Every structure is written in structure tokens, then in C-alpha cells.
Amino acid sequence: MTTKLVIRELALANLAGMTEMMQTYLMQNMVKKVTALPTWEQAQVVALTMSQDDELSTELLIQIALLQNKTVVLPRVLPKRQMEFTTIDQDTVYARHKFGMLEPVGGRIVSPDEIDFVLVPGLAFTPNGDRIGFGGGYYDRWLPNTTATKVATTITKNLYEQPTWSIEATDQRVDQVIVLDKESK
């Protein structure tokens, strides 16, 4: 068994090693594949994230969701490793959280049962939906509260056929993992 910490470091290195052109291609591919999903098309309220550092940019997906007149909600970190999702629009102001990510200021807090679709962040995945997140456990605590469709995107290098890490009772799976690149293009 490989530790989650080692896999996180490998996954981050894989993301950091991409060229700007590859990141742009993958971002466009993510938008194309996610917005083509029937669950996305039917969703009225979509929970997305503001990407950070070496993550694939979600900015275009956020803008498209707003253009499609979807209610877009982004997370805000709360004490005790909890989070809430709040509505955003073109005029939303963001503040940097002490952990470094941008969070919306203001906006209406949206109940987990109002959300139809969640793009779940993570670093490593299996085709069956097992995931390794960033280590804080925020999504593992929040996901059981929603019945929304849970989708994640990844690159081939961060997809494992089977988990090589220990799966804990608190680890939450996603419903679908979309691979954005294929090494055998």
C-alpha cells in the first residue's frame, strides 16, 4: 500500500509538470466533457470550485455555467473542517482564505439538498470513483449531505486502476470520473 501523502505528492508533481498549452487543452476538454453530461444539462444548481495553484482551471466552466443560467455555488471553509456553498454571479467579490484559496464573499448559502451536480476536486482517482483529495477531509464530510450527482475529472497519470492506498470508512466516492487526456491519443 502506498500512503495517501505519497500519492498526493506524485499527483501534484504530475499536474505541475504540464505545459501551459497542455493545461489549456485539458481545461477546454474538461468544459466540453462536463457540459455534455446529461446530469449537467439537467442540473439547475451546480457546485464548482475555484481552482488553485496547479489544479486545472475551473474558471471557464464557472463562466459557462453562469451563461447557461445555472445557479453556481462555490465552497467556503467553516471551522471544524466543515464547508458551505454560496451563490455567485459575475459581480461576486472573492477573498483569500488563510489556506490560500479564493472564496466568495457574501452570496446566499445553499442547502446541500438544493444542489443537483457537484464537480468534486481531488488529486487521484480510480475508475470506480475512489478518490484522494487534498487531505483536509472537507468534501468527505460534506458529500454525504447531498444527493447531487458527484463527478470528478483527472488526467491519465493520476488515475489508478485500483486504489493503491487504504480506503477509510470516511472516504467518499464520486459517481463518475472523467479522464481528460488519453496517453494513446
N, C-alpha and C. Protein backbone atom coordinates (compact mmCIF):
# COMPACT_ATOMS: atom_id res chain seq x y z
N MET A 1 0.84 -1.20 0.00
CA MET A 1 0.00 0.00 0.00
C MET A 1 0.88 1.26 0.00
N THR A 2 0.50 2.18 -0.85
CA THR A 2 1.17 3.47 -0.89
C THR A 2 0.39 4.42 0.00
N THR A 3 1.07 5.30 0.69
CA THR A 3 0.35 6.24 1.56
C THR A 3 -0.32 7.32 0.70
N LYS A 4 -1.38 7.88 1.24
CA LYS A 4 -2.08 8.96 0.55
C LYS A 4 -1.16 10.15 0.35
N LEU A 5 -0.29 10.40 1.31
CA LEU A 5 0.64 11.52 1.20
C LEU A 5 1.55 11.36 -0.01
N VAL A 6 2.08 10.17 -0.21
CA VAL A 6 2.95 9.91 -1.37
C VAL A 6 2.18 10.09 -2.67
N ILE A 7 0.95 9.58 -2.72
CA ILE A 7 0.15 9.72 -3.94
C ILE A 7 -0.20 11.18 -4.19
N ARG A 8 -0.50 11.92 -3.13
CA ARG A 8 -0.77 13.36 -3.29
C ARG A 8 0.44 14.06 -3.91
N GLU A 9 1.62 13.76 -3.39
CA GLU A 9 2.84 14.39 -3.91
C GLU A 9 3.08 14.03 -5.37
N LEU A 10 2.87 12.76 -5.73
CA LEU A 10 3.02 12.34 -7.13
C LEU A 10 2.01 13.03 -8.02
N ALA A 11 0.76 13.08 -7.58
CA ALA A 11 -0.30 13.70 -8.37
C ALA A 11 -0.03 15.20 -8.57
N LEU A 12 0.39 15.87 -7.52
CA LEU A 12 0.71 17.29 -7.64
C LEU A 12 1.88 17.51 -8.60
N ALA A 13 2.88 16.64 -8.54
CA ALA A 13 4.02 16.73 -9.46
C ALA A 13 3.56 16.51 -10.90
N ASN A 14 2.65 15.57 -11.11
CA ASN A 14 2.12 15.33 -12.46
C ASN A 14 1.40 16.56 -12.99
N LEU A 15 0.63 17.22 -12.14
CA LEU A 15 -0.08 18.43 -12.56
C LEU A 15 0.90 19.58 -12.79
N ALA A 16 1.88 19.72 -11.90
CA ALA A 16 2.85 20.82 -12.01
C ALA A 16 3.74 20.66 -13.24
N GLY A 17 3.92 19.42 -13.69
CA GLY A 17 4.80 19.17 -14.83
C GLY A 17 4.18 19.43 -16.19
N MET A 18 2.93 19.84 -16.23
CA MET A 18 2.28 20.09 -17.52
C MET A 18 2.65 21.46 -18.08
N THR A 19 2.74 21.51 -19.38
CA THR A 19 2.98 22.79 -20.03
C THR A 19 1.70 23.63 -19.99
N GLU A 20 1.85 24.92 -20.21
CA GLU A 20 0.69 25.81 -20.24
C GLU A 20 -0.27 25.40 -21.37
N MET A 21 0.30 24.96 -22.49
CA MET A 21 -0.54 24.54 -23.62
C MET A 21 -1.35 23.29 -23.24
N MET A 22 -0.73 22.35 -22.53
CA MET A 22 -1.44 21.15 -22.11
C MET A 22 -2.52 21.50 -21.09
N GLN A 23 -2.23 22.41 -20.18
CA GLN A 23 -3.23 22.83 -19.20
C GLN A 23 -4.44 23.46 -19.89
N THR A 24 -4.18 24.28 -20.90
CA THR A 24 -5.26 24.92 -21.65
C THR A 24 -6.09 23.88 -22.38
N TYR A 25 -5.42 22.92 -23.02
CA TYR A 25 -6.14 21.84 -23.71
C TYR A 25 -7.02 21.07 -22.73
N LEU A 26 -6.46 20.71 -21.58
CA LEU A 26 -7.21 19.93 -20.60
C LEU A 26 -8.38 20.72 -20.02
N MET A 27 -8.18 22.01 -19.80
CA MET A 27 -9.27 22.85 -19.30
C MET A 27 -10.42 22.87 -20.32
N GLN A 28 -10.08 23.04 -21.59
CA GLN A 28 -11.11 23.06 -22.63
C GLN A 28 -11.80 21.70 -22.74
N ASN A 29 -11.02 20.63 -22.61
CA ASN A 29 -11.58 19.28 -22.68
C ASN A 29 -12.50 19.02 -21.48
N MET A 30 -12.11 19.52 -20.31
CA MET A 30 -12.95 19.38 -19.13
C MET A 30 -14.29 20.05 -19.35
N VAL A 31 -14.27 21.28 -19.85
CA VAL A 31 -15.51 22.01 -20.09
C VAL A 31 -16.37 21.26 -21.10
N LYS A 32 -15.77 20.80 -22.18
CA LYS A 32 -16.50 20.08 -23.22
C LYS A 32 -17.15 18.80 -22.67
N LYS A 33 -16.38 18.01 -21.91
CA LYS A 33 -16.89 16.73 -21.41
C LYS A 33 -17.90 16.92 -20.29
N VAL A 34 -17.66 17.85 -19.39
CA VAL A 34 -18.58 18.06 -18.27
C VAL A 34 -19.91 18.62 -18.77
N THR A 35 -19.86 19.63 -19.64
CA THR A 35 -21.10 20.27 -20.09
C THR A 35 -21.90 19.37 -21.03
N ALA A 36 -21.29 18.31 -21.54
CA ALA A 36 -22.02 17.36 -22.40
C ALA A 36 -22.74 16.28 -21.59
N LEU A 37 -22.47 16.20 -20.30
CA LEU A 37 -23.12 15.19 -19.47
C LEU A 37 -24.62 15.50 -19.31
N PRO A 38 -25.47 14.49 -19.49
CA PRO A 38 -26.90 14.73 -19.26
C PRO A 38 -27.19 15.27 -17.86
N THR A 39 -26.44 14.81 -16.86
CA THR A 39 -26.67 15.29 -15.49
C THR A 39 -26.32 16.77 -15.35
N TRP A 40 -25.33 17.24 -16.11
CA TRP A 40 -25.01 18.67 -16.13
C TRP A 40 -26.12 19.44 -16.84
N GLU A 41 -26.51 18.94 -18.02
CA GLU A 41 -27.54 19.63 -18.80
C GLU A 41 -28.82 19.80 -18.01
N GLN A 42 -29.19 18.79 -17.20
CA GLN A 42 -30.43 18.84 -16.43
C GLN A 42 -30.28 19.62 -15.13
N ALA A 43 -29.08 19.83 -14.68
CA ALA A 43 -28.85 20.48 -13.38
C ALA A 43 -29.21 21.95 -13.42
N GLN A 44 -29.88 22.39 -12.36
CA GLN A 44 -30.19 23.81 -12.19
C GLN A 44 -29.17 24.48 -11.28
N VAL A 45 -28.69 23.73 -10.26
CA VAL A 45 -27.74 24.27 -9.29
C VAL A 45 -26.48 23.40 -9.33
N VAL A 46 -25.35 24.02 -9.68
CA VAL A 46 -24.09 23.28 -9.81
C VAL A 46 -23.08 23.80 -8.79
N ALA A 47 -22.45 22.86 -8.09
CA ALA A 47 -21.42 23.20 -7.11
C ALA A 47 -20.06 22.98 -7.77
N LEU A 48 -19.31 24.06 -7.89
CA LEU A 48 -17.99 24.01 -8.51
C LEU A 48 -16.97 24.50 -7.50
N THR A 49 -15.72 24.58 -7.90
CA THR A 49 -14.67 25.10 -7.02
C THR A 49 -13.83 26.11 -7.78
N MET A 50 -13.19 26.99 -7.04
CA MET A 50 -12.19 27.88 -7.62
C MET A 50 -10.88 27.10 -7.60
N SER A 51 -10.34 26.82 -8.77
CA SER A 51 -9.10 26.05 -8.81
C SER A 51 -7.96 26.89 -8.23
N GLN A 52 -6.94 26.19 -7.79
CA GLN A 52 -5.78 26.88 -7.22
C GLN A 52 -4.50 26.23 -7.69
N ASP A 53 -3.44 26.97 -7.64
CA ASP A 53 -2.09 26.51 -7.96
C ASP A 53 -2.06 25.66 -9.24
N ASP A 54 -1.70 24.39 -9.11
CA ASP A 54 -1.51 23.55 -10.29
C ASP A 54 -2.76 22.80 -10.73
N GLU A 55 -3.88 23.03 -10.07
CA GLU A 55 -5.13 22.38 -10.50
C GLU A 55 -5.54 22.92 -11.86
N LEU A 56 -6.28 22.11 -12.61
CA LEU A 56 -6.81 22.60 -13.88
C LEU A 56 -7.80 23.71 -13.60
N SER A 57 -7.73 24.76 -14.37
CA SER A 57 -8.57 25.93 -14.14
C SER A 57 -10.05 25.58 -14.33
N THR A 58 -10.87 26.04 -13.39
CA THR A 58 -12.32 25.85 -13.47
C THR A 58 -13.02 27.15 -13.89
N GLU A 59 -12.25 28.18 -14.14
CA GLU A 59 -12.83 29.49 -14.43
C GLU A 59 -13.76 29.47 -15.64
N LEU A 60 -13.35 28.81 -16.71
CA LEU A 60 -14.19 28.74 -17.92
C LEU A 60 -15.48 27.97 -17.64
N LEU A 61 -15.39 26.89 -16.90
CA LEU A 61 -16.59 26.11 -16.56
C LEU A 61 -17.56 26.95 -15.72
N ILE A 62 -17.03 27.72 -14.80
CA ILE A 62 -17.87 28.61 -13.97
C ILE A 62 -18.58 29.62 -14.87
N GLN A 63 -17.83 30.23 -15.79
CA GLN A 63 -18.42 31.24 -16.68
C GLN A 63 -19.50 30.63 -17.58
N ILE A 64 -19.25 29.44 -18.09
CA ILE A 64 -20.23 28.78 -18.96
C ILE A 64 -21.49 28.43 -18.17
N ALA A 65 -21.32 27.95 -16.95
CA ALA A 65 -22.48 27.64 -16.11
C ALA A 65 -23.33 28.89 -15.89
N LEU A 66 -22.67 30.00 -15.62
CA LEU A 66 -23.41 31.26 -15.44
C LEU A 66 -24.11 31.67 -16.73
N LEU A 67 -23.44 31.51 -17.88
CA LEU A 67 -24.05 31.85 -19.17
C LEU A 67 -25.24 30.93 -19.48
N GLN A 68 -25.20 29.70 -18.96
CA GLN A 68 -26.30 28.76 -19.16
C GLN A 68 -27.42 28.98 -18.14
N ASN A 69 -27.32 30.06 -17.39
CA ASN A 69 -28.31 30.44 -16.39
C ASN A 69 -28.48 29.40 -15.28
N LYS A 70 -27.40 28.70 -14.99
CA LYS A 70 -27.41 27.79 -13.85
C LYS A 70 -27.08 28.61 -12.60
N THR A 71 -27.58 28.16 -11.48
CA THR A 71 -27.16 28.75 -10.22
C THR A 71 -25.83 28.09 -9.88
N VAL A 72 -24.79 28.90 -9.76
CA VAL A 72 -23.45 28.39 -9.48
C VAL A 72 -23.14 28.67 -8.02
N VAL A 73 -22.68 27.63 -7.32
CA VAL A 73 -22.31 27.78 -5.92
C VAL A 73 -20.87 27.33 -5.74
N LEU A 74 -20.15 28.06 -4.90
CA LEU A 74 -18.76 27.75 -4.60
C LEU A 74 -18.60 27.57 -3.09
N PRO A 75 -17.60 26.78 -2.68
CA PRO A 75 -17.45 26.50 -1.25
C PRO A 75 -16.78 27.62 -0.47
N ARG A 76 -17.16 27.65 0.79
CA ARG A 76 -16.49 28.49 1.80
C ARG A 76 -16.15 27.59 2.97
N VAL A 77 -14.94 27.71 3.46
CA VAL A 77 -14.48 26.89 4.58
C VAL A 77 -15.03 27.45 5.89
N LEU A 78 -15.48 26.51 6.74
CA LEU A 78 -16.00 26.85 8.06
C LEU A 78 -15.10 26.21 9.11
N PRO A 79 -15.27 26.59 10.38
CA PRO A 79 -14.50 25.93 11.44
C PRO A 79 -14.78 24.43 11.50
N LYS A 80 -13.90 23.70 12.14
CA LYS A 80 -14.01 22.26 12.35
C LYS A 80 -14.08 21.47 11.05
N ARG A 81 -13.33 21.93 10.05
CA ARG A 81 -13.23 21.24 8.76
C ARG A 81 -14.57 21.01 8.07
N GLN A 82 -15.44 21.99 8.21
CA GLN A 82 -16.74 21.97 7.54
C GLN A 82 -16.70 22.99 6.42
N MET A 83 -17.69 22.93 5.53
CA MET A 83 -17.79 23.94 4.48
C MET A 83 -19.25 24.14 4.11
N GLU A 84 -19.50 25.27 3.47
CA GLU A 84 -20.83 25.59 2.96
C GLU A 84 -20.66 26.11 1.54
N PHE A 85 -21.73 26.04 0.77
CA PHE A 85 -21.69 26.56 -0.59
C PHE A 85 -22.58 27.78 -0.69
N THR A 86 -22.07 28.81 -1.39
CA THR A 86 -22.82 30.05 -1.55
C THR A 86 -22.91 30.41 -3.02
N THR A 87 -23.97 31.10 -3.37
CA THR A 87 -24.20 31.51 -4.76
C THR A 87 -23.19 32.57 -5.18
N ILE A 88 -22.88 32.54 -6.47
CA ILE A 88 -22.01 33.58 -7.05
C ILE A 88 -22.68 34.10 -8.33
N ASP A 89 -22.18 35.23 -8.79
CA ASP A 89 -22.56 35.76 -10.10
C ASP A 89 -21.37 36.54 -10.65
N GLN A 90 -21.58 37.24 -11.75
CA GLN A 90 -20.47 37.96 -12.40
C GLN A 90 -19.87 39.03 -11.50
N ASP A 91 -20.63 39.52 -10.53
CA ASP A 91 -20.17 40.61 -9.67
C ASP A 91 -19.63 40.16 -8.32
N THR A 92 -19.54 38.86 -8.10
CA THR A 92 -19.08 38.35 -6.81
C THR A 92 -17.66 38.81 -6.51
N VAL A 93 -17.46 39.17 -5.27
CA VAL A 93 -16.14 39.55 -4.77
C VAL A 93 -15.57 38.34 -4.04
N TYR A 94 -14.26 38.14 -4.19
CA TYR A 94 -13.60 36.99 -3.57
C TYR A 94 -12.54 37.47 -2.59
N ALA A 95 -12.34 36.68 -1.55
CA ALA A 95 -11.29 36.95 -0.56
C ALA A 95 -10.45 35.68 -0.43
N ARG A 96 -9.17 35.87 -0.14
CA ARG A 96 -8.28 34.73 0.02
C ARG A 96 -8.38 34.18 1.45
N HIS A 97 -8.70 32.90 1.54
CA HIS A 97 -8.80 32.21 2.83
C HIS A 97 -7.39 31.99 3.37
N LYS A 98 -7.26 31.76 4.66
CA LYS A 98 -5.94 31.56 5.27
C LYS A 98 -5.21 30.36 4.67
N PHE A 99 -5.94 29.40 4.06
CA PHE A 99 -5.30 28.26 3.40
C PHE A 99 -4.87 28.59 1.97
N GLY A 100 -5.19 29.80 1.50
CA GLY A 100 -4.71 30.24 0.19
C GLY A 100 -5.73 30.26 -0.93
N MET A 101 -6.88 29.60 -0.77
CA MET A 101 -7.83 29.58 -1.87
C MET A 101 -8.77 30.78 -1.81
N LEU A 102 -9.30 31.11 -2.99
CA LEU A 102 -10.27 32.20 -3.07
C LEU A 102 -11.65 31.68 -2.70
N GLU A 103 -12.36 32.48 -1.92
CA GLU A 103 -13.72 32.14 -1.52
C GLU A 103 -14.63 33.32 -1.81
N PRO A 104 -15.90 33.03 -2.18
CA PRO A 104 -16.84 34.13 -2.41
C PRO A 104 -17.18 34.85 -1.11
N VAL A 105 -17.31 36.16 -1.20
CA VAL A 105 -17.75 36.97 -0.07
C VAL A 105 -19.24 37.24 -0.31
N GLY A 106 -20.05 36.99 0.69
CA GLY A 106 -21.49 37.19 0.53
C GLY A 106 -22.12 36.03 -0.23
N GLY A 107 -23.23 36.30 -0.85
CA GLY A 107 -23.96 35.25 -1.56
C GLY A 107 -24.87 34.50 -0.62
N ARG A 108 -25.87 33.86 -1.19
CA ARG A 108 -26.84 33.09 -0.41
C ARG A 108 -26.26 31.71 -0.12
N ILE A 109 -26.34 31.27 1.12
CA ILE A 109 -25.92 29.91 1.47
C ILE A 109 -26.96 28.96 0.91
N VAL A 110 -26.47 27.95 0.20
CA VAL A 110 -27.35 26.98 -0.46
C VAL A 110 -27.27 25.65 0.29
N SER A 111 -28.42 25.10 0.59
CA SER A 111 -28.51 23.83 1.28
C SER A 111 -28.02 22.71 0.37
N PRO A 112 -27.34 21.69 0.91
CA PRO A 112 -26.85 20.58 0.08
C PRO A 112 -27.96 19.90 -0.73
N ASP A 113 -29.20 19.90 -0.22
CA ASP A 113 -30.27 19.24 -0.96
C ASP A 113 -30.80 20.07 -2.13
N GLU A 114 -30.35 21.31 -2.26
CA GLU A 114 -30.73 22.15 -3.40
C GLU A 114 -29.80 21.92 -4.60
N ILE A 115 -28.67 21.29 -4.36
CA ILE A 115 -27.64 21.14 -5.39
C ILE A 115 -27.90 19.89 -6.23
N ASP A 116 -27.79 20.04 -7.56
CA ASP A 116 -28.04 18.94 -8.49
C ASP A 116 -26.77 18.24 -8.97
N PHE A 117 -25.67 18.99 -9.02
CA PHE A 117 -24.44 18.50 -9.64
C PHE A 117 -23.26 19.06 -8.87
N VAL A 118 -22.29 18.19 -8.53
CA VAL A 118 -21.08 18.63 -7.83
C VAL A 118 -19.86 18.18 -8.62
N LEU A 119 -19.00 19.13 -8.96
CA LEU A 119 -17.69 18.78 -9.51
C LEU A 119 -16.75 18.68 -8.31
N VAL A 120 -16.36 17.45 -7.99
CA VAL A 120 -15.59 17.18 -6.77
C VAL A 120 -14.10 17.27 -7.08
N PRO A 121 -13.37 18.12 -6.37
CA PRO A 121 -11.94 18.20 -6.61
C PRO A 121 -11.21 17.00 -6.02
N GLY A 122 -10.03 16.76 -6.50
CA GLY A 122 -9.21 15.68 -5.96
C GLY A 122 -7.92 15.57 -6.72
N LEU A 123 -7.05 14.73 -6.23
CA LEU A 123 -5.73 14.56 -6.85
C LEU A 123 -5.56 13.24 -7.56
N ALA A 124 -6.14 12.18 -7.00
CA ALA A 124 -6.00 10.85 -7.62
C ALA A 124 -7.34 10.13 -7.52
N PHE A 125 -7.62 9.32 -8.53
CA PHE A 125 -8.91 8.65 -8.61
C PHE A 125 -8.75 7.25 -9.16
N THR A 126 -9.79 6.43 -8.95
CA THR A 126 -9.92 5.15 -9.65
C THR A 126 -11.14 5.27 -10.55
N PRO A 127 -11.26 4.42 -11.58
CA PRO A 127 -12.45 4.46 -12.43
C PRO A 127 -13.75 4.22 -11.64
N ASN A 128 -13.66 3.55 -10.50
CA ASN A 128 -14.84 3.28 -9.68
C ASN A 128 -15.23 4.44 -8.77
N GLY A 129 -14.48 5.53 -8.81
CA GLY A 129 -14.85 6.71 -8.04
C GLY A 129 -14.13 6.89 -6.72
N ASP A 130 -13.20 5.98 -6.38
CA ASP A 130 -12.39 6.22 -5.18
C ASP A 130 -11.55 7.46 -5.45
N ARG A 131 -11.28 8.24 -4.41
CA ARG A 131 -10.53 9.48 -4.62
C ARG A 131 -9.62 9.79 -3.46
N ILE A 132 -8.57 10.51 -3.79
CA ILE A 132 -7.71 11.12 -2.78
C ILE A 132 -7.82 12.61 -3.00
N GLY A 133 -8.28 13.29 -1.98
CA GLY A 133 -8.41 14.74 -2.05
C GLY A 133 -7.12 15.40 -1.60
N PHE A 134 -7.25 16.61 -1.11
CA PHE A 134 -6.08 17.39 -0.72
C PHE A 134 -5.69 17.16 0.74
N GLY A 135 -6.46 16.35 1.46
CA GLY A 135 -6.06 15.97 2.81
C GLY A 135 -6.81 16.62 3.94
N GLY A 136 -7.67 17.57 3.65
CA GLY A 136 -8.41 18.22 4.73
C GLY A 136 -9.68 17.50 5.13
N GLY A 137 -10.22 16.68 4.24
CA GLY A 137 -11.44 15.94 4.53
C GLY A 137 -12.72 16.76 4.41
N TYR A 138 -12.64 17.96 3.86
CA TYR A 138 -13.83 18.82 3.76
C TYR A 138 -14.92 18.17 2.92
N TYR A 139 -14.55 17.69 1.73
CA TYR A 139 -15.55 17.07 0.86
C TYR A 139 -16.03 15.74 1.43
N ASP A 140 -15.15 14.98 2.06
CA ASP A 140 -15.58 13.72 2.67
C ASP A 140 -16.62 13.97 3.76
N ARG A 141 -16.54 15.08 4.43
CA ARG A 141 -17.54 15.42 5.45
C ARG A 141 -18.82 15.96 4.81
N TRP A 142 -18.69 16.71 3.71
CA TRP A 142 -19.85 17.39 3.11
C TRP A 142 -20.64 16.49 2.16
N LEU A 143 -19.98 15.66 1.36
CA LEU A 143 -20.67 14.87 0.32
C LEU A 143 -21.82 14.00 0.83
N PRO A 144 -21.74 13.39 2.01
CA PRO A 144 -22.88 12.58 2.46
C PRO A 144 -24.17 13.38 2.65
N ASN A 145 -24.08 14.71 2.69
CA ASN A 145 -25.25 15.55 2.91
C ASN A 145 -26.03 15.86 1.64
N THR A 146 -25.51 15.47 0.49
CA THR A 146 -26.18 15.81 -0.77
C THR A 146 -26.49 14.56 -1.58
N THR A 147 -27.55 14.66 -2.35
CA THR A 147 -27.91 13.58 -3.27
C THR A 147 -27.52 13.96 -4.70
N ALA A 148 -26.82 15.06 -4.86
CA ALA A 148 -26.41 15.53 -6.18
C ALA A 148 -25.51 14.51 -6.87
N THR A 149 -25.47 14.58 -8.19
CA THR A 149 -24.53 13.77 -8.96
C THR A 149 -23.13 14.29 -8.68
N LYS A 150 -22.22 13.38 -8.34
CA LYS A 150 -20.85 13.75 -7.97
C LYS A 150 -19.90 13.30 -9.07
N VAL A 151 -19.26 14.26 -9.73
CA VAL A 151 -18.37 13.99 -10.85
C VAL A 151 -17.00 14.57 -10.55
N ALA A 152 -15.97 13.87 -11.00
CA ALA A 152 -14.60 14.37 -10.86
C ALA A 152 -13.91 14.25 -12.21
N THR A 153 -12.90 15.06 -12.41
CA THR A 153 -12.07 14.98 -13.62
C THR A 153 -10.63 14.75 -13.20
N THR A 154 -9.89 14.06 -14.07
CA THR A 154 -8.49 13.79 -13.77
C THR A 154 -7.71 13.60 -15.05
N ILE A 155 -6.40 13.54 -14.89
CA ILE A 155 -5.53 13.21 -16.02
C ILE A 155 -5.14 11.74 -15.89
N THR A 156 -4.73 11.14 -16.98
CA THR A 156 -4.40 9.71 -17.01
C THR A 156 -3.36 9.35 -15.95
N LYS A 157 -2.34 10.19 -15.77
CA LYS A 157 -1.28 9.88 -14.82
C LYS A 157 -1.78 9.81 -13.37
N ASN A 158 -2.92 10.42 -13.09
CA ASN A 158 -3.46 10.43 -11.74
C ASN A 158 -4.66 9.49 -11.58
N LEU A 159 -4.82 8.58 -12.55
CA LEU A 159 -5.88 7.58 -12.50
C LEU A 159 -5.24 6.23 -12.20
N TYR A 160 -5.74 5.57 -11.17
CA TYR A 160 -5.25 4.26 -10.74
C TYR A 160 -6.34 3.23 -11.01
N GLU A 161 -5.97 2.12 -11.62
CA GLU A 161 -6.97 1.08 -11.91
C GLU A 161 -7.64 0.59 -10.64
N GLN A 162 -6.88 0.42 -9.60
CA GLN A 162 -7.37 0.03 -8.27
C GLN A 162 -6.72 0.96 -7.26
N PRO A 163 -7.36 1.18 -6.13
CA PRO A 163 -6.71 2.02 -5.12
C PRO A 163 -5.44 1.33 -4.60
N THR A 164 -4.35 2.05 -4.61
CA THR A 164 -3.10 1.54 -4.03
C THR A 164 -2.91 2.14 -2.64
N TRP A 165 -3.94 2.78 -2.15
CA TRP A 165 -3.95 3.41 -0.84
C TRP A 165 -5.07 2.78 -0.01
N SER A 166 -5.01 2.97 1.28
CA SER A 166 -6.05 2.40 2.13
C SER A 166 -7.32 3.25 2.04
N ILE A 167 -8.45 2.58 1.88
CA ILE A 167 -9.75 3.26 1.83
C ILE A 167 -10.32 3.25 3.25
N GLU A 168 -10.64 4.43 3.73
CA GLU A 168 -11.17 4.55 5.08
C GLU A 168 -12.68 4.70 5.03
N ALA A 169 -13.34 4.39 6.12
CA ALA A 169 -14.80 4.44 6.18
C ALA A 169 -15.33 5.84 5.86
N THR A 170 -14.55 6.86 6.14
CA THR A 170 -14.99 8.24 5.92
C THR A 170 -14.75 8.72 4.48
N ASP A 171 -13.98 7.96 3.69
CA ASP A 171 -13.70 8.35 2.30
C ASP A 171 -14.96 8.25 1.46
N GLN A 172 -15.25 9.31 0.73
CA GLN A 172 -16.45 9.36 -0.11
C GLN A 172 -16.08 9.17 -1.58
N ARG A 173 -16.82 8.32 -2.25
CA ARG A 173 -16.63 8.10 -3.69
C ARG A 173 -17.42 9.12 -4.49
N VAL A 174 -16.99 9.28 -5.74
CA VAL A 174 -17.77 10.07 -6.69
C VAL A 174 -18.51 9.10 -7.61
N ASP A 175 -19.55 9.61 -8.27
CA ASP A 175 -20.37 8.77 -9.16
C ASP A 175 -19.68 8.49 -10.49
N GLN A 176 -18.87 9.45 -10.94
CA GLN A 176 -18.25 9.32 -12.26
C GLN A 176 -16.91 10.05 -12.27
N VAL A 177 -15.92 9.41 -12.91
CA VAL A 177 -14.61 10.04 -13.09
C VAL A 177 -14.39 10.20 -14.59
N ILE A 178 -14.13 11.42 -15.00
CA ILE A 178 -13.87 11.72 -16.41
C ILE A 178 -12.37 11.90 -16.59
N VAL A 179 -11.80 11.12 -17.49
CA VAL A 179 -10.38 11.25 -17.81
C VAL A 179 -10.26 12.25 -18.96
N LEU A 180 -9.47 13.28 -18.75
CA LEU A 180 -9.39 14.38 -19.70
C LEU A 180 -8.38 14.18 -20.81
N ASP A 181 -7.39 13.36 -20.57
CA ASP A 181 -6.39 13.11 -21.61
C ASP A 181 -6.27 11.61 -21.77
N LYS A 182 -5.85 11.22 -22.90
CA LYS A 182 -5.60 9.79 -23.15
C LYS A 182 -4.17 9.69 -23.64
N GLU A 183 -3.39 8.86 -22.99
CA GLU A 183 -1.99 8.75 -23.40
C GLU A 183 -1.86 8.15 -24.78
N SER A 184 -2.88 7.44 -25.24
CA SER A 184 -2.83 6.83 -26.56
C SER A 184 -3.66 7.63 -27.56
N LYS A 185 -3.59 8.94 -27.47
CA LYS A 185 -4.39 9.83 -28.32
C LYS A 185 -4.50 9.29 -29.69
